Protein backbone atom coordinates (compact mmCIF):
# COMPACT_ATOMS: atom_id res chain seq x y z
CA MET A 1 -18.04 -38.56 -17.07
CA VAL A 2 -17.59 -37.92 -14.03
CA GLU A 3 -17.43 -34.51 -12.27
CA ARG A 4 -15.24 -33.98 -9.24
CA ALA A 5 -15.49 -31.22 -6.67
CA ALA A 6 -13.87 -30.60 -3.53
CA SER A 7 -13.38 -27.96 -0.89
CA ALA A 8 -11.20 -27.25 1.99
CA THR A 9 -11.33 -24.30 4.54
CA THR A 10 -9.41 -23.01 7.69
CA VAL A 11 -11.54 -20.66 10.00
CA THR A 12 -9.59 -18.63 12.55
CA LEU A 13 -10.46 -17.95 16.19
CA LEU A 14 -10.05 -15.87 18.82
CA PRO A 15 -11.59 -17.67 21.93
CA GLY A 16 -12.78 -15.58 24.50
CA HIS A 17 -16.40 -15.79 26.52
CA SER A 18 -19.13 -12.91 26.93
CA GLU A 19 -17.06 -9.61 27.19
CA ASP A 20 -20.86 -7.95 27.45
CA SER A 21 -19.82 -5.92 30.60
CA ALA A 22 -23.00 -4.28 30.71
CA ASN A 23 -24.78 -7.56 31.00
CA GLY A 24 -22.78 -9.24 33.24
CA GLY A 25 -19.61 -10.34 30.89
CA ASP A 26 -16.07 -9.92 31.66
CA ASP A 27 -14.36 -7.03 29.48
CA LEU A 28 -10.86 -9.17 30.27
CA ASP A 29 -12.14 -11.96 29.32
CA SER A 30 -10.34 -13.27 26.15
CA ALA A 31 -7.15 -15.33 24.79
CA MET A 32 -6.07 -11.83 24.98
CA PRO A 33 -3.11 -11.46 27.37
CA ASP A 34 -4.09 -8.10 28.96
CA TYR A 35 -1.14 -6.75 30.50
CA GLY A 36 -2.70 -5.76 34.29
CA GLY A 37 -5.62 -4.37 32.46
CA LYS A 38 -3.90 -2.00 29.87
CA CYS A 39 -3.90 -3.41 27.08
CA LEU A 40 -4.87 -6.46 24.07
CA ASP A 41 -7.60 -7.59 26.04
CA ALA A 42 -8.27 -4.31 27.55
CA TRP A 43 -8.31 -2.98 24.30
CA PHE A 44 -9.92 -5.53 21.85
CA VAL A 45 -13.18 -7.63 21.98
CA ALA A 46 -12.42 -11.64 20.66
CA ASP A 47 -14.69 -13.95 18.98
CA GLN A 48 -16.88 -14.74 22.41
CA VAL A 49 -17.24 -18.61 21.56
CA THR A 50 -14.17 -21.55 22.43
CA ASP A 51 -15.17 -23.15 19.82
CA LEU A 52 -16.85 -23.33 16.45
CA PRO A 53 -19.70 -25.60 15.06
CA ASP A 54 -19.53 -28.48 13.02
CA ASP A 55 -20.55 -26.94 9.76
CA LEU A 56 -18.92 -24.58 7.91
CA ARG A 57 -21.98 -22.62 6.44
CA GLU A 58 -22.86 -21.87 10.38
CA VAL A 59 -19.78 -20.59 11.33
CA GLU A 60 -20.38 -18.40 8.39
CA GLU A 61 -23.69 -16.87 10.00
CA MET A 62 -22.57 -16.22 13.68
CA ARG A 63 -22.40 -13.31 14.88
CA LYS A 64 -21.17 -11.45 18.20
CA HIS A 65 -23.35 -8.77 19.56
CA LEU A 66 -22.18 -5.81 21.64
CA PRO A 67 -23.33 -2.34 22.68
CA GLU A 68 -21.10 -0.39 21.24
CA TYR A 69 -21.99 -1.22 17.37
CA ASP A 70 -24.76 -1.66 15.52
CA GLU A 71 -24.62 -4.31 13.65
CA GLY A 72 -23.27 -8.09 15.27
CA LEU A 73 -19.73 -8.69 13.92
CA ARG A 74 -18.11 -12.09 12.95
CA GLN A 75 -17.46 -14.80 14.84
CA TYR A 76 -13.73 -15.75 13.75
CA ARG A 77 -10.74 -13.86 12.78
CA LEU A 78 -9.17 -14.88 8.80
CA LYS A 79 -11.48 -17.40 6.61
CA ASN A 80 -8.84 -19.26 3.62
CA GLN A 81 -10.46 -21.09 1.14
CA ILE A 82 -9.81 -23.00 -1.64
CA GLU A 83 -12.88 -24.93 -4.19
CA LEU A 84 -11.49 -27.67 -6.97
CA SER A 85 -13.64 -29.17 -9.31
CA PHE A 86 -13.16 -30.93 -12.94
CA SER A 87 -14.35 -33.49 -14.96
CA THR A 88 -12.74 -37.07 -15.87
CA ASP A 89 -13.67 -39.66 -18.49
CA ASP A 90 -12.08 -42.39 -16.87
CA GLY A 91 -11.74 -41.79 -13.10
CA ARG A 92 -8.18 -41.65 -13.84
CA THR A 93 -7.82 -38.69 -16.03
CA VAL A 94 -8.33 -35.65 -16.16
CA VAL A 95 -10.28 -33.66 -18.40
CA ASP A 96 -7.92 -29.71 -19.32
CA SER A 97 -10.77 -27.87 -20.34
CA SER A 98 -12.47 -28.68 -16.84
CA VAL A 99 -10.55 -27.52 -14.18
CA THR A 100 -12.13 -24.77 -12.46
CA LEU A 101 -10.10 -23.00 -9.19
CA GLY A 102 -12.19 -20.98 -6.38
CA THR A 103 -10.62 -18.89 -3.80
CA ASN A 104 -11.82 -16.34 -1.29
CA ALA A 105 -9.30 -14.07 -2.08
CA ASN A 106 -12.45 -11.04 -2.94
CA GLU A 107 -13.78 -11.43 0.32
CA LYS A 108 -13.44 -8.95 2.89
CA PRO A 109 -11.53 -9.97 6.18
CA PRO A 110 -13.82 -9.52 9.49
CA TYR A 111 -13.08 -6.56 11.44
CA VAL A 112 -10.88 -5.78 14.35
CA ALA A 113 -13.44 -4.05 17.33
CA VAL A 114 -12.44 -1.82 19.95
CA GLU A 115 -14.00 -2.76 23.50
CA GLY A 116 -15.07 0.76 25.70
CA GLN A 117 -18.71 0.44 27.27
CA ARG A 118 -18.87 2.89 29.62
CA GLY A 119 -16.52 2.85 32.66
CA GLU A 120 -13.88 0.52 30.85
CA GLN A 121 -10.80 1.87 30.60
CA ASN A 122 -9.32 1.81 26.64
CA LEU A 123 -6.18 3.61 24.94
CA VAL A 124 -7.41 2.34 22.15
CA ARG A 125 -10.65 4.35 22.46
CA GLU A 126 -9.04 7.15 23.91
CA ILE A 127 -6.89 7.73 20.86
CA ILE A 128 -10.19 7.42 18.89
CA GLU A 129 -12.19 9.78 20.23
CA ARG A 130 -8.71 12.57 20.66
CA ASP A 131 -9.36 15.72 18.31
CA ASP A 132 -5.38 15.96 18.39
CA LEU A 133 -4.73 12.36 16.83
CA ASP A 134 -6.66 11.53 13.63
CA TRP A 135 -4.80 7.44 13.89
CA PHE A 136 -7.55 5.43 13.07
CA GLY A 137 -9.84 7.73 11.26
CA GLY A 138 -12.13 8.22 14.23
CA LYS A 139 -13.03 4.41 13.81
CA SER A 140 -13.61 2.03 16.49
CA LYS A 141 -13.90 -0.94 13.76
CA LEU A 142 -10.97 -1.79 11.33
CA ARG A 143 -10.60 -4.81 8.61
CA ALA A 144 -8.30 -6.87 9.61
CA ASP A 145 -4.83 -5.75 7.49
CA VAL A 146 -4.48 -8.59 5.13
CA GLU A 147 -2.29 -6.33 2.69
CA GLY A 148 0.60 -8.29 0.69
CA LYS A 149 0.05 -11.37 2.63
CA ARG A 150 -1.48 -13.50 0.44
CA PHE A 151 0.12 -16.00 -1.66
CA GLU A 152 -1.84 -18.77 -4.72
CA SER A 153 -0.46 -21.18 -6.42
CA GLY A 154 -2.94 -21.57 -9.06
CA ALA A 155 -4.13 -24.77 -10.13
CA VAL A 156 -1.32 -27.26 -10.75
CA ARG A 157 -1.48 -30.55 -12.57
CA GLU A 158 -0.39 -33.69 -10.26
CA GLU A 159 0.22 -36.93 -11.15
CA VAL A 160 0.19 -40.34 -8.28
CA GLY A 161 -0.10 -44.08 -9.48
CA GLY A 162 -0.97 -43.41 -12.82
CA VAL A 163 -3.93 -41.41 -11.30
CA GLU A 164 -3.85 -38.06 -12.81
CA GLY A 165 -5.10 -34.71 -10.02
CA VAL A 166 -5.07 -31.49 -9.43
CA ARG A 167 -3.58 -29.37 -6.57
CA ALA A 168 -4.16 -25.55 -4.97
CA SER A 169 -2.27 -24.00 -2.17
CA VAL A 170 -3.10 -20.27 -0.40
CA LEU A 171 -1.29 -19.09 2.78
CA LEU A 172 -2.98 -15.87 4.30
CA GLY A 173 -2.11 -13.89 7.36
CA GLY A 174 -3.95 -11.10 8.74
CA SER A 175 -3.08 -8.55 11.76
CA ASP A 176 -4.71 -6.72 13.70
CA THR A 177 -5.08 -2.59 11.82
CA TYR A 178 -5.01 -1.05 14.96
CA ILE A 179 -1.33 -2.00 16.05
CA GLU A 180 -0.08 -2.16 12.69
CA ILE A 181 -0.79 2.11 12.56
CA MET A 182 0.40 2.20 16.11
CA ARG A 183 3.29 0.29 14.87
CA GLU A 184 4.07 3.28 12.18
CA LYS A 185 3.52 5.80 14.79
CA PHE A 186 6.39 4.37 17.06
CA TYR A 187 8.69 4.78 14.11
CA GLU A 188 7.73 7.96 12.77
CA LEU A 189 7.72 9.60 16.67
CA GLY A 190 10.46 7.32 18.06
CA PRO A 191 9.81 5.59 20.84
CA VAL A 192 9.81 8.28 24.12
CA GLU A 193 7.36 10.83 21.82
CA PHE A 194 4.95 7.70 20.75
CA LEU A 195 4.60 6.97 24.23
CA GLU A 196 4.18 10.68 25.57
CA THR A 197 1.88 11.55 23.07
CA THR A 198 -0.09 8.43 23.98
CA GLY A 199 0.04 8.43 28.00
CA MET A 200 1.03 4.39 27.32
CA ASP A 201 3.58 2.46 29.77
CA VAL A 202 6.83 1.45 28.75
CA GLU A 203 5.38 -1.93 30.10
CA THR A 204 2.74 -2.19 27.23
CA VAL A 205 5.08 -1.55 24.08
CA PRO A 206 6.67 -4.73 23.49
CA ALA A 207 7.80 -6.48 20.76
CA PHE A 208 3.62 -7.29 19.20
CA VAL A 209 3.71 -3.27 19.05
CA VAL A 210 7.54 -3.33 17.42
CA GLN A 211 6.64 -5.46 14.72
CA PRO A 212 3.54 -6.62 14.69
CA PRO A 213 2.90 -10.65 14.58
CA ASN A 214 0.26 -12.39 11.86
CA MET A 215 -2.23 -14.96 12.16
CA TYR A 216 -2.01 -16.97 9.36
CA THR A 217 -2.88 -20.57 8.08
CA PHE A 218 -1.21 -22.50 4.58
CA LEU A 219 -3.76 -24.16 3.06
CA GLU A 220 -3.35 -27.28 0.36
CA LEU A 221 -5.42 -29.31 -1.10
CA ALA A 222 -5.21 -32.33 -3.66
CA ALA A 223 -8.17 -33.92 -5.70
CA MET A 224 -7.91 -36.83 -7.52
CA ALA A 225 -9.41 -38.47 -10.92
CA ASP A 226 -10.30 -41.96 -9.20
CA GLY A 227 -11.94 -39.43 -6.68
CA THR A 228 -9.44 -39.30 -3.12
CA THR A 229 -8.64 -36.22 -1.71
CA LEU A 230 -6.08 -34.72 0.75
CA VAL A 231 -6.07 -31.76 2.58
CA ARG A 232 -3.46 -30.12 4.36
CA VAL A 233 -2.61 -27.12 6.64
CA TRP A 234 1.25 -27.42 6.33
CA ASP A 235 1.47 -24.52 8.86
CA ALA A 236 -0.64 -22.51 10.73
CA SER A 237 0.72 -19.54 13.48
CA ARG A 238 1.10 -20.93 16.95
CA TYR A 239 -1.81 -18.28 18.04
CA PRO A 240 -4.85 -18.09 18.22
CA LYS A 241 -6.94 -21.47 17.69
CA HIS A 242 -7.58 -23.45 14.37
CA TYR A 243 -10.03 -25.21 12.48
CA LEU A 244 -10.39 -27.30 9.77
CA TYR A 245 -13.10 -27.80 7.04
CA ALA A 246 -13.18 -29.51 4.21
CA ASP A 247 -16.47 -29.54 1.99
CA GLU A 248 -17.96 -28.01 4.71
CA ARG A 249 -17.62 -30.07 7.66
CA LYS A 250 -15.22 -29.09 10.77
CA ARG A 251 -12.49 -32.38 10.18
CA ASP A 252 -9.88 -31.16 12.25
CA GLU A 253 -8.14 -28.56 14.53
CA THR A 254 -5.26 -26.93 16.18
CA ASP A 255 -4.72 -27.40 19.98
CA PHE A 256 -5.48 -24.22 21.76
CA GLU A 257 -7.38 -24.58 25.27
CA GLU A 258 -9.08 -22.45 28.07
CA GLY A 259 -7.88 -24.38 31.90
CA SER A 260 -4.97 -24.72 33.79
CA ARG A 261 -1.29 -24.91 32.70
CA LEU A 262 -1.41 -27.89 34.73
CA SER A 263 -4.38 -29.53 32.77
CA GLY A 264 -2.58 -28.65 29.34
CA GLY A 265 -4.72 -25.45 29.19
CA GLU A 266 -3.56 -22.54 27.10
CA TRP A 267 -4.84 -19.52 27.54
CA ARG A 268 -6.89 -18.28 31.15
CA GLN A 269 -9.67 -15.66 31.29
CA ASN A 270 -7.89 -12.43 33.48
CA GLU A 271 -3.99 -13.03 33.06
CA ASN A 272 -0.70 -10.62 32.05
CA ALA A 273 0.22 -13.27 29.11
CA ASN A 274 0.34 -16.90 28.04
CA GLU A 275 3.08 -18.44 26.87
CA ARG A 276 1.54 -19.10 23.20
CA PHE A 277 1.12 -15.75 22.79
CA GLY A 278 4.47 -15.21 23.55
CA GLN A 279 6.48 -17.34 21.48
CA TRP A 280 3.46 -16.14 18.05
CA ALA A 281 5.13 -12.52 18.60
CA LEU A 282 8.59 -13.72 18.92
CA GLU A 283 8.96 -15.75 15.77
CA GLU A 284 7.25 -12.56 13.57
CA GLN A 285 11.07 -11.53 13.94
CA ASP A 286 12.72 -14.96 12.27
CA LEU A 287 12.86 -17.36 9.16
CA ARG A 288 9.69 -18.88 11.03
CA SER A 289 7.05 -16.73 9.36
CA PRO A 290 6.08 -16.68 5.96
CA PHE A 291 5.99 -12.67 6.51
CA SER A 292 9.85 -12.23 6.89
CA PRO A 293 11.09 -9.33 5.22
CA ARG A 294 13.90 -12.26 4.65
CA ALA A 295 13.73 -14.81 1.35
CA LYS A 296 10.64 -16.96 1.27
CA SER A 297 13.66 -19.41 0.53
CA GLY A 298 14.58 -19.08 4.04
CA TYR A 299 10.71 -20.11 4.95
CA GLU A 300 10.69 -23.22 2.91
CA GLN A 301 13.93 -24.10 4.43
CA TYR A 302 12.27 -23.89 7.97
CA LEU A 303 9.39 -25.53 6.70
CA ASP A 304 11.10 -28.28 5.25
CA HIS A 305 13.00 -28.88 8.74
CA ALA A 306 9.60 -28.68 10.64
CA THR A 307 8.16 -31.48 9.16
CA SER A 308 10.31 -34.02 9.31
CA PHE A 309 9.58 -33.99 13.79
CA GLY A 310 6.39 -31.92 13.42
CA PRO A 311 3.88 -30.52 14.04
CA HIS A 312 3.33 -30.21 10.80
CA PRO A 313 1.13 -30.73 8.98
CA ALA A 314 -0.71 -29.46 11.49
CA MET A 315 -3.80 -29.95 10.23
CA THR A 316 -4.75 -32.71 7.78
CA HIS A 317 -7.93 -35.30 6.38
CA GLY A 318 -8.01 -37.50 4.09
CA GLU A 319 -10.42 -39.00 2.05
CA GLY A 320 -9.88 -42.67 -0.18
CA GLY A 321 -10.91 -42.62 -3.84
CA GLU A 322 -11.32 -45.65 -6.66
CA GLU A 323 -7.29 -46.38 -7.10
CA LEU A 324 -5.50 -44.21 -4.29
CA THR A 325 -5.94 -43.71 -0.78
CA ALA A 326 -5.14 -40.34 0.92
CA SER A 327 -1.90 -42.03 2.40
CA GLU A 328 -0.30 -42.70 -0.58
CA VAL A 329 -0.79 -38.98 -2.09
CA SER A 330 0.56 -37.89 1.32
CA ARG A 331 3.59 -39.69 0.41
CA VAL A 332 4.23 -38.84 -2.86
CA LEU A 333 3.45 -34.83 -3.22
CA PRO A 334 5.30 -32.33 -1.27
CA PRO A 335 4.41 -28.66 -0.20
CA LEU A 336 3.24 -26.58 -2.54
CA PHE A 337 4.49 -23.68 -1.88
CA PRO A 338 2.02 -20.74 -2.89
CA TRP A 339 5.46 -18.08 -4.59
């Protein structure tokens, strides 16, 4: 009897540098657009690193520390995780009763943290501190909104070249809870009253408030009885940056780098907006989003078309076993949609 086990994890990072302005940092120093110092980068704290360690356990232990908060805050946006294990008698078949599937569905999402040291202008913190508005419950940090944004396939049996295996997928998304609440108030009050109530400039209520976009990854893990494993991130939000870990080691990542547009950089500090953010916000309003109010079949059709020309899968990692290769498994198994 041989035990097979595999794990896959995606971690979503909102890159940035120190925003601790009291100690030499820059309060507008992240991949978030700042719209002239009046919007996202002025409202919220990013993850204050531009890369993540190779070891997943180190990532999970990392914390950012700011004068506004008594405790350290996790330095990533979302974590999506799948663990599979089973027994095999012969390296070709799976013992039915031995299959186990684990996800991090019960793990609380990281906080969205509001910026706001003394002397920094921040409309969100001003709303929090106002006596006449109770939009955010007086809280300067709220868990990311993941309600209704997790879909899991369960463990599915597969066979490739006469070798049995198990596969599972999870599509997980999350958005900024403060922006979600602003959206509710925007529609409840109407545009004019919303602007008057908040004192917000009209140019700082673009598409991302009217329809908040979601960061997400569509993660799939296959483990075969001969020891072959295949991880595919079929899709990931265009913004911000995502990392793939297989068996707790960094294996792949998406492109989202700091630097000049001429050298291929996708974001810079102190910028009104970046192209990647704008594309991401617009995609939430059409079939390219898995959380679209339209039918899930629209997203499946989009992804089926997208995989024919890239950049899908967004990230991959595979290791061959005693009989199969990861490429052989990849050719046989199409996306496993988790609904």
